[in-house]
């Protein structure tokens, strides 16, 4: 005996399409926000000396952009 599946109402298809459109919009929004954060976040890591600046490596020197922290690599 074959299993019988109940008919799928059309409103489920509409709900699915609406959900996919919302997901697509949200994914675009997340991508836009990620690009904005990436553009405003400096390369490096938070300074452990002052806790406010960012330490970056340039030309073999680690330096904080807020305090006087400097170390040569």
Protein backbone atom coordinates (compact mmCIF):
# COMPACT_ATOMS: atom_id res chain seq x y z
CA UNK A 1 0.00 0.00 0.00
CA UNK A 2 1.41 3.44 -0.98
CA UNK A 3 1.54 6.18 1.63
CA UNK A 4 -0.89 8.95 0.82
CA UNK A 5 0.29 12.50 1.32
CA UNK A 6 -2.29 15.17 2.00
CA UNK A 7 -2.50 17.93 -0.58
CA UNK A 8 -0.29 20.92 0.18
CA UNK A 9 -2.28 24.13 0.43
CA UNK A 10 -1.10 26.96 -1.81
CA UNK A 11 -0.79 29.32 1.14
CA UNK A 12 2.22 27.32 2.36
CA UNK A 13 3.93 28.08 -0.96
CA UNK A 14 3.20 31.78 -0.48
CA UNK A 15 4.49 31.71 3.08
CA UNK A 16 7.63 29.94 1.89
CA UNK A 17 8.22 32.52 -0.85
CA UNK A 18 7.67 35.37 1.62
CA UNK A 19 10.06 33.77 4.09
CA UNK A 20 12.72 33.36 1.37
CA UNK A 21 12.36 37.01 0.40
CA UNK A 22 12.75 38.07 4.05
CA UNK A 23 15.80 35.82 4.46
CA UNK A 24 17.35 37.30 1.31
CA UNK A 25 16.74 40.85 2.57
CA UNK A 26 18.22 40.03 5.97
CA UNK A 27 21.28 38.36 4.43
CA UNK A 28 21.89 41.49 2.32
CA UNK A 29 21.51 43.67 5.40
CA UNK A 30 23.96 41.53 7.38
CA UNK A 31 26.47 41.68 4.50
CA UNK A 32 26.11 45.47 4.36
CA UNK A 33 26.65 45.79 8.12
CA UNK A 34 29.67 43.45 7.97
CA UNK A 35 31.21 45.62 5.24
CA UNK A 36 30.59 48.74 7.35
CA UNK A 37 32.19 47.17 10.43
CA UNK A 38 35.16 45.90 8.41
CA UNK A 39 35.70 49.40 6.99
CA UNK A 40 35.74 51.05 10.43
CA UNK A 41 37.66 48.41 12.39
CA UNK A 42 41.42 48.86 12.34
CA UNK A 43 43.66 45.94 11.45
CA UNK A 44 45.21 44.60 14.63
CA UNK A 45 44.02 43.88 18.15
CA UNK A 46 43.05 45.79 21.26
CA UNK A 47 45.96 47.16 23.24
CA UNK A 48 46.41 45.44 26.60
CA UNK A 49 48.43 48.38 27.99
CA UNK A 50 45.85 51.17 27.64
CA UNK A 51 42.75 49.13 26.71
CA UNK A 52 41.50 51.85 24.36
CA UNK A 53 43.84 51.73 21.37
CA UNK A 54 44.65 49.22 18.65
CA UNK A 55 48.03 47.55 18.18
CA UNK A 56 49.14 47.14 14.58
CA UNK A 57 52.26 45.73 12.98
CA UNK A 58 53.97 48.02 10.49
CA UNK A 59 57.52 47.77 9.26
CA UNK A 60 58.55 45.27 11.93
CA UNK A 61 57.22 47.42 14.79
CA UNK A 62 54.17 46.76 16.94
CA UNK A 63 52.62 50.06 18.01
CA UNK A 64 49.44 51.24 19.71
CA UNK A 65 47.60 54.14 18.10
CA UNK A 66 46.63 55.64 21.52
CA UNK A 67 49.41 55.07 24.01
CA UNK A 68 53.19 54.89 23.84
CA UNK A 69 53.33 51.10 23.50
CA UNK A 70 56.01 50.05 20.94
CA UNK A 71 57.85 46.78 20.42
CA UNK A 72 60.20 45.74 17.63
CA UNK A 73 59.63 42.38 16.01
